[in-house]
Amino acid sequence: MQILRIDSATTGDQSVTRRLTDELTRHFREKHPDAKVVERDLVADPLPHIDPITTKAIRTAPETHEEAVAAAYPDERAVLDEFLASDVVIVGAPMYNFSIPSQLKAWLDRLGVPGVTFRYSEAGPEGLAGGRKVVVASARGGAYSNEDMAENQESLLATMFGFLGVDDLSFVRVEKTGFGPEAIEEGFAAAKAEIAKL
């Protein structure tokens, strides 16, 4: 059993999503006391954005892709291997400018690997990375619905993980973080109640 925790908020101790990922990690550790916990802080240890060489490796034919990436980019492969080895993935994803932080997008870019986490068939795309639980710790300064044109954070993550075949996806959120401490604490209390149900 492995639990993977991903943090991407740049606000340190002030981060609501880091509080949520703390709470989620505690919750799943209590449920699975023997689980290995792997933590990746994308702010303290950022991943470079995809470059032409990485793109070339990603576009290698599916049957040779894994070997190409492992040989050319062992650190890239380590990011993917962490995800694939994990039974529970906790993703701290604040809304920055109506989307996710760029450092979190750089992490997601390493998960979308043709022939490894998805493939195309005559029936269309097929996700190959199911069989794990993904929980997104979301924080947003205002209140949004997923139908809102300005909401490109949770909808992006739902699309990406769905594309990869993840069908056990949950969002735990605190909204209205821009409304002050009282709104944050109210939102956090509601989020803790949601976490207890997971």
C-alpha atoms as a PDB file:
ATOM      1  CA  MET A   1       0.000   0.000   0.000  1.00  0.00           C
ATOM      2  CA  GLN A   2       1.422   3.369  -1.014  1.00  0.00           C
ATOM      3  CA  ILE A   3       0.029   6.863  -0.469  1.00  0.00           C
ATOM      4  CA  LEU A   4       1.382   9.636  -2.698  1.00  0.00           C
ATOM      5  CA  ARG A   5       1.005  13.240  -1.575  1.00  0.00           C
ATOM      6  CA  ILE A   6       1.512  16.066  -4.054  1.00  0.00           C
ATOM      7  CA  ASP A   7       1.667  19.720  -2.933  1.00  0.00           C
ATOM      8  CA  SER A   8       1.752  22.639  -5.375  1.00  0.00           C
ATOM      9  CA  ALA A   9       0.711  25.741  -3.391  1.00  0.00           C
ATOM     10  CA  THR A  10       3.309  28.516  -3.229  1.00  0.00           C
ATOM     11  CA  THR A  11       1.879  30.094  -0.059  1.00  0.00           C
ATOM     12  CA  GLY A  12       3.658  27.883   2.490  1.00  0.00           C
ATOM     13  CA  ASP A  13       2.124  27.923   5.974  1.00  0.00           C
ATOM     14  CA  GLN A  14      -0.730  30.110   4.694  1.00  0.00           C
ATOM     15  CA  SER A  15      -1.800  27.456   2.179  1.00  0.00           C
ATOM     16  CA  VAL A  16      -5.297  26.050   2.585  1.00  0.00           C
ATOM     17  CA  THR A  17      -4.572  23.147   0.244  1.00  0.00           C
ATOM     18  CA  ARG A  18      -1.531  22.164   2.305  1.00  0.00           C
ATOM     19  CA  ARG A  19      -3.769  22.069   5.374  1.00  0.00           C
ATOM     20  CA  LEU A  20      -6.134  19.844   3.410  1.00  0.00           C
ATOM     21  CA  THR A  21      -3.348  17.535   2.189  1.00  0.00           C
ATOM     22  CA  ASP A  22      -2.123  17.298   5.824  1.00  0.00           C
ATOM     23  CA  GLU A  23      -5.616  16.274   6.914  1.00  0.00           C
ATOM     24  CA  LEU A  24      -6.037  13.819   4.045  1.00  0.00           C
ATOM     25  CA  THR A  25      -2.640  12.228   4.680  1.00  0.00           C
ATOM     26  CA  ARG A  26      -3.509  11.849   8.373  1.00  0.00           C
ATOM     27  CA  HIS A  27      -6.876  10.304   7.460  1.00  0.00           C
ATOM     28  CA  PHE A  28      -5.445   7.714   5.071  1.00  0.00           C
ATOM     29  CA  ARG A  29      -2.541   6.899   7.410  1.00  0.00           C
ATOM     30  CA  GLU A  30      -5.068   6.093  10.139  1.00  0.00           C
ATOM     31  CA  LYS A  31      -7.003   3.872   7.726  1.00  0.00           C
ATOM     32  CA  HIS A  32      -3.812   2.198   6.451  1.00  0.00           C
ATOM     33  CA  PRO A  33      -1.190   2.375   9.234  1.00  0.00           C
ATOM     34  CA  ASP A  34       1.250   0.147   7.345  1.00  0.00           C
ATOM     35  CA  ALA A  35       1.141   2.230   4.169  1.00  0.00           C
ATOM     36  CA  LYS A  36       4.258   3.816   2.749  1.00  0.00           C
ATOM     37  CA  VAL A  37       3.827   7.587   2.292  1.00  0.00           C
ATOM     38  CA  VAL A  38       5.686   9.323  -0.529  1.00  0.00           C
ATOM     39  CA  GLU A  39       5.626  13.125  -0.560  1.00  0.00           C
ATOM     40  CA  ARG A  40       6.452  15.386  -3.502  1.00  0.00           C
ATOM     41  CA  ASP A  41       6.505  19.147  -2.970  1.00  0.00           C
ATOM     42  CA  LEU A  42       6.444  20.754  -6.397  1.00  0.00           C
ATOM     43  CA  VAL A  43       7.414  24.146  -4.971  1.00  0.00           C
ATOM     44  CA  ALA A  44      10.412  23.025  -2.908  1.00  0.00           C
ATOM     45  CA  ASP A  45      11.510  20.657  -5.687  1.00  0.00           C
ATOM     46  CA  PRO A  46       9.944  21.928  -8.946  1.00  0.00           C
ATOM     47  CA  LEU A  47       9.850  19.901 -12.121  1.00  0.00           C
ATOM     48  CA  PRO A  48      11.023  21.620 -15.299  1.00  0.00           C
ATOM     49  CA  HIS A  49       8.380  22.201 -17.906  1.00  0.00           C
ATOM     50  CA  ILE A  50       8.262  19.832 -20.847  1.00  0.00           C
ATOM     51  CA  ASP A  51      10.967  20.644 -23.401  1.00  0.00           C
ATOM     52  CA  PRO A  52      11.594  19.397 -26.961  1.00  0.00           C
ATOM     53  CA  ILE A  53      13.689  16.402 -25.848  1.00  0.00           C
ATOM     54  CA  THR A  54      11.080  15.265 -23.328  1.00  0.00           C
ATOM     55  CA  THR A  55       8.359  15.754 -25.939  1.00  0.00           C
ATOM     56  CA  LYS A  56      10.314  13.582 -28.396  1.00  0.00           C
ATOM     57  CA  ALA A  57      10.604  10.841 -25.773  1.00  0.00           C
ATOM     58  CA  ILE A  58       6.882  11.081 -25.008  1.00  0.00           C
ATOM     59  CA  ARG A  59       6.039  10.704 -28.705  1.00  0.00           C
ATOM     60  CA  THR A  60       8.207   7.605 -29.140  1.00  0.00           C
ATOM     61  CA  ALA A  61       6.252   4.573 -30.352  1.00  0.00           C
ATOM     62  CA  PRO A  62       4.333   3.006 -27.438  1.00  0.00           C
ATOM     63  CA  GLU A  63       6.239  -0.302 -27.539  1.00  0.00           C
ATOM     64  CA  THR A  64       9.572   1.457 -26.955  1.00  0.00           C
ATOM     65  CA  HIS A  65       8.368   4.479 -25.019  1.00  0.00           C
ATOM     66  CA  GLU A  66       9.084   3.219 -21.494  1.00  0.00           C
ATOM     67  CA  GLU A  67      12.670   2.296 -22.352  1.00  0.00           C
ATOM     68  CA  ALA A  68      13.241   5.622 -24.130  1.00  0.00           C
ATOM     69  CA  VAL A  69      12.007   7.691 -21.204  1.00  0.00           C
ATOM     70  CA  ALA A  70      13.828   5.572 -18.621  1.00  0.00           C
ATOM     71  CA  ALA A  71      17.106   5.949 -20.520  1.00  0.00           C
ATOM     72  CA  ALA A  72      16.828   9.625 -21.462  1.00  0.00           C
ATOM     73  CA  TYR A  73      14.997  10.989 -18.430  1.00  0.00           C
ATOM     74  CA  PRO A  74      15.281   8.822 -15.303  1.00  0.00           C
ATOM     75  CA  ASP A  75      13.871  11.636 -13.136  1.00  0.00           C
ATOM     76  CA  GLU A  76      10.843  11.894 -15.421  1.00  0.00           C
ATOM     77  CA  ARG A  77      10.300   8.174 -15.117  1.00  0.00           C
ATOM     78  CA  ALA A  78      10.528   8.402 -11.305  1.00  0.00           C
ATOM     79  CA  VAL A  79       7.582  10.837 -11.260  1.00  0.00           C
ATOM     80  CA  LEU A  80       5.453   8.468 -13.338  1.00  0.00           C
ATOM     81  CA  ASP A  81       6.548   5.426 -11.318  1.00  0.00           C
ATOM     82  CA  GLU A  82       5.518   7.132  -8.049  1.00  0.00           C
ATOM     83  CA  PHE A  83       2.048   7.673  -9.444  1.00  0.00           C
ATOM     84  CA  LEU A  84       1.683   4.174 -10.884  1.00  0.00           C
ATOM     85  CA  ALA A  85       2.929   2.562  -7.650  1.00  0.00           C
ATOM     86  CA  SER A  86       0.418   4.436  -5.481  1.00  0.00           C
ATOM     87  CA  ASP A  87      -2.947   3.156  -4.300  1.00  0.00           C
ATOM     88  CA  VAL A  88      -4.028   6.564  -2.982  1.00  0.00           C
ATOM     89  CA  VAL A  89      -2.917   9.845  -4.568  1.00  0.00           C
ATOM     90  CA  ILE A  90      -3.576  13.108  -2.708  1.00  0.00           C
ATOM     91  CA  VAL A  91      -3.208  16.177  -4.933  1.00  0.00           C
ATOM     92  CA  GLY A  92      -3.049  19.672  -3.446  1.00  0.00           C
ATOM     93  CA  ALA A  93      -4.468  21.905  -6.181  1.00  0.00           C
ATOM     94  CA  PRO A  94      -5.246  25.538  -5.396  1.00  0.00           C
ATOM     95  CA  MET A  95      -6.932  27.684  -8.017  1.00  0.00           C
ATOM     96  CA  TYR A  96      -4.447  30.191  -9.388  1.00  0.00           C
ATOM     97  CA  ASN A  97      -5.861  32.620 -11.947  1.00  0.00           C
ATOM     98  CA  PHE A  98      -8.808  30.312 -12.722  1.00  0.00           C
ATOM     99  CA  SER A  99      -6.644  27.229 -13.267  1.00  0.00           C
ATOM    100  CA  ILE A 100      -3.992  25.139 -11.487  1.00  0.00           C
ATOM    101  CA  PRO A 101      -0.439  26.199 -10.594  1.00  0.00           C
ATOM    102  CA  SER A 102       2.002  25.726 -13.476  1.00  0.00           C
ATOM    103  CA  GLN A 103       4.163  23.454 -11.318  1.00  0.00           C
ATOM    104  CA  LEU A 104       1.197  21.084 -10.927  1.00  0.00           C
ATOM    105  CA  LYS A 105       0.651  21.145 -14.706  1.00  0.00           C
ATOM    106  CA  ALA A 106       4.318  20.152 -15.151  1.00  0.00           C
ATOM    107  CA  TRP A 107       3.648  17.118 -12.893  1.00  0.00           C
ATOM    108  CA  LEU A 108       0.495  16.182 -14.834  1.00  0.00           C
ATOM    109  CA  ASP A 109       2.432  16.391 -18.109  1.00  0.00           C
ATOM    110  CA  ARG A 110       4.596  13.506 -16.913  1.00  0.00           C
ATOM    111  CA  LEU A 111       1.567  11.297 -16.279  1.00  0.00           C
ATOM    112  CA  GLY A 112       0.081  11.484 -19.774  1.00  0.00           C
ATOM    113  CA  VAL A 113       2.254   8.861 -21.457  1.00  0.00           C
ATOM    114  CA  PRO A 114       0.927   7.119 -24.585  1.00  0.00           C
ATOM    115  CA  GLY A 115       1.002   3.350 -24.319  1.00  0.00           C
ATOM    116  CA  VAL A 116       1.610   3.538 -20.560  1.00  0.00           C
ATOM    117  CA  THR A 117      -1.217   5.547 -18.981  1.00  0.00           C
ATOM    118  CA  PHE A 118      -3.499   5.816 -22.028  1.00  0.00           C
ATOM    119  CA  ARG A 119      -3.863   4.570 -25.587  1.00  0.00           C
ATOM    120  CA  TYR A 120      -5.991   5.245 -28.607  1.00  0.00           C
ATOM    121  CA  SER A 121      -8.068   2.542 -30.219  1.00  0.00           C
ATOM    122  CA  GLU A 122     -10.764   2.424 -32.877  1.00  0.00           C
ATOM    123  CA  ALA A 123     -13.250   3.044 -30.046  1.00  0.00           C
ATOM    124  CA  GLY A 124     -11.380   6.193 -28.973  1.00  0.00           C
ATOM    125  CA  PRO A 125      -9.046   6.940 -26.050  1.00  0.00           C
ATOM    126  CA  GLU A 126      -8.678   4.378 -23.288  1.00  0.00           C
ATOM    127  CA  GLY A 127      -7.183   5.156 -19.881  1.00  0.00           C
ATOM    128  CA  LEU A 128      -4.705   2.610 -18.528  1.00  0.00           C
ATOM    129  CA  ALA A 129      -3.983   4.116 -15.087  1.00  0.00           C
ATOM    130  CA  GLY A 130      -7.109   3.116 -13.176  1.00  0.00           C
ATOM    131  CA  GLY A 131      -7.096   1.051 -10.021  1.00  0.00           C
ATOM    132  CA  ARG A 132      -6.127   3.856  -7.676  1.00  0.00           C
ATOM    133  CA  LYS A 133      -7.987   6.442  -5.613  1.00  0.00           C
ATOM    134  CA  VAL A 134      -7.220  10.105  -6.354  1.00  0.00           C
ATOM    135  CA  VAL A 135      -8.351  12.805  -3.950  1.00  0.00           C
ATOM    136  CA  VAL A 136      -7.900  16.444  -4.927  1.00  0.00           C
ATOM    137  CA  ALA A 137      -7.527  19.020  -2.146  1.00  0.00           C
ATOM    138  CA  SER A 138      -8.964  22.137  -3.775  1.00  0.00           C
ATOM    139  CA  ALA A 139      -9.010  25.738  -2.562  1.00  0.00           C
ATOM    140  CA  ARG A 140     -10.510  28.731  -4.367  1.00  0.00           C
ATOM    141  CA  GLY A 141     -10.788  32.375  -3.481  1.00  0.00           C
ATOM    142  CA  GLY A 142     -14.422  32.605  -4.586  1.00  0.00           C
ATOM    143  CA  ALA A 143     -17.304  30.207  -5.111  1.00  0.00           C
ATOM    144  CA  TYR A 144     -17.510  28.411  -8.445  1.00  0.00           C
ATOM    145  CA  SER A 145     -19.597  25.781 -10.148  1.00  0.00           C
ATOM    146  CA  ASN A 146     -18.056  23.392 -12.633  1.00  0.00           C
ATOM    147  CA  GLU A 147     -20.285  24.933 -15.296  1.00  0.00           C
ATOM    148  CA  ASP A 148     -18.780  28.377 -14.638  1.00  0.00           C
ATOM    149  CA  MET A 149     -16.722  29.637 -17.582  1.00  0.00           C
ATOM    150  CA  ALA A 150     -14.055  30.808 -15.108  1.00  0.00           C
ATOM    151  CA  GLU A 151     -13.644  27.339 -13.573  1.00  0.00           C
ATOM    152  CA  ASN A 152     -10.648  25.695 -15.239  1.00  0.00           C
ATOM    153  CA  GLN A 153      -9.156  24.061 -12.155  1.00  0.00           C
ATOM    154  CA  GLU A 154     -11.239  21.111 -10.950  1.00  0.00           C
ATOM    155  CA  SER A 155     -12.666  20.533 -14.432  1.00  0.00           C
ATOM    156  CA  LEU A 156      -9.139  20.260 -15.884  1.00  0.00           C
ATOM    157  CA  LEU A 157      -8.134  17.740 -13.218  1.00  0.00           C
ATOM    158  CA  ALA A 158     -11.325  15.701 -13.653  1.00  0.00           C
ATOM    159  CA  THR A 159     -10.735  15.588 -17.417  1.00  0.00           C
ATOM    160  CA  MET A 160      -7.075  14.615 -17.062  1.00  0.00           C
ATOM    161  CA  PHE A 161      -7.539  11.880 -14.478  1.00  0.00           C
ATOM    162  CA  GLY A 162     -10.609  10.589 -16.302  1.00  0.00           C
ATOM    163  CA  PHE A 163      -8.583  10.419 -19.524  1.00  0.00           C
ATOM    164  CA  LEU A 164      -5.966   8.347 -17.688  1.00  0.00           C
ATOM    165  CA  GLY A 165      -8.648   5.901 -16.552  1.00  0.00           C
ATOM    166  CA  VAL A 166      -8.983   7.010 -12.929  1.00  0.00           C
ATOM    167  CA  ASP A 167     -12.613   6.358 -12.001  1.00  0.00           C
ATOM    168  CA  ASP A 168     -12.231   6.796  -8.236  1.00  0.00           C
ATOM    169  CA  LEU A 169     -11.778  10.577  -8.068  1.00  0.00           C
ATOM    170  CA  SER A 170     -12.937  12.852  -5.237  1.00  0.00           C
ATOM    171  CA  PHE A 171     -12.653  16.583  -4.593  1.00  0.00           C
ATOM    172  CA  VAL A 172     -12.412  18.025  -1.090  1.00  0.00           C
ATOM    173  CA  ARG A 173     -12.634  21.783  -1.290  1.00  0.00           C
ATOM    174  CA  VAL A 174     -12.541  25.007   0.651  1.00  0.00           C
ATOM    175  CA  GLU A 175     -14.105  27.877  -1.271  1.00  0.00           C
ATOM    176  CA  LYS A 176     -14.233  31.601  -0.536  1.00  0.00           C
ATOM    177  CA  THR A 177     -10.702  31.664   0.860  1.00  0.00           C
ATOM    178  CA  GLY A 178     -10.497  35.274  -0.297  1.00  0.00           C
ATOM    179  CA  PHE A 179     -13.365  36.187   2.053  1.00  0.00           C
ATOM    180  CA  GLY A 180     -11.184  36.049   5.166  1.00  0.00           C
ATOM    181  CA  PRO A 181     -10.263  33.735   8.071  1.00  0.00           C
ATOM    182  CA  GLU A 182     -13.826  33.031   9.186  1.00  0.00           C
ATOM    183  CA  ALA A 183     -14.853  31.825   5.724  1.00  0.00           C
ATOM    184  CA  ILE A 184     -11.708  29.674   5.531  1.00  0.00           C
ATOM    185  CA  GLU A 185     -12.403  28.011   8.885  1.00  0.00           C
ATOM    186  CA  GLU A 186     -16.029  27.361   7.950  1.00  0.00           C
ATOM    187  CA  GLY A 187     -14.911  25.830   4.667  1.00  0.00           C
ATOM    188  CA  PHE A 188     -12.223  23.777   6.357  1.00  0.00           C
ATOM    189  CA  ALA A 189     -14.696  22.369   8.900  1.00  0.00           C
ATOM    190  CA  ALA A 190     -16.979  21.282   6.039  1.00  0.00           C
ATOM    191  CA  ALA A 191     -14.012  19.758   4.213  1.00  0.00           C
ATOM    192  CA  LYS A 192     -12.983  17.745   7.284  1.00  0.00           C
ATOM    193  CA  ALA A 193     -16.479  16.274   7.410  1.00  0.00           C
ATOM    194  CA  GLU A 194     -16.096  15.236   3.767  1.00  0.00           C
ATOM    195  CA  ILE A 195     -12.685  13.710   4.448  1.00  0.00           C
ATOM    196  CA  ALA A 196     -14.146  11.570   7.227  1.00  0.00           C
ATOM    197  CA  LYS A 197     -16.436   9.924   4.639  1.00  0.00           C
ATOM    198  CA  LEU A 198     -13.587   8.878   2.350  1.00  0.00           C
END
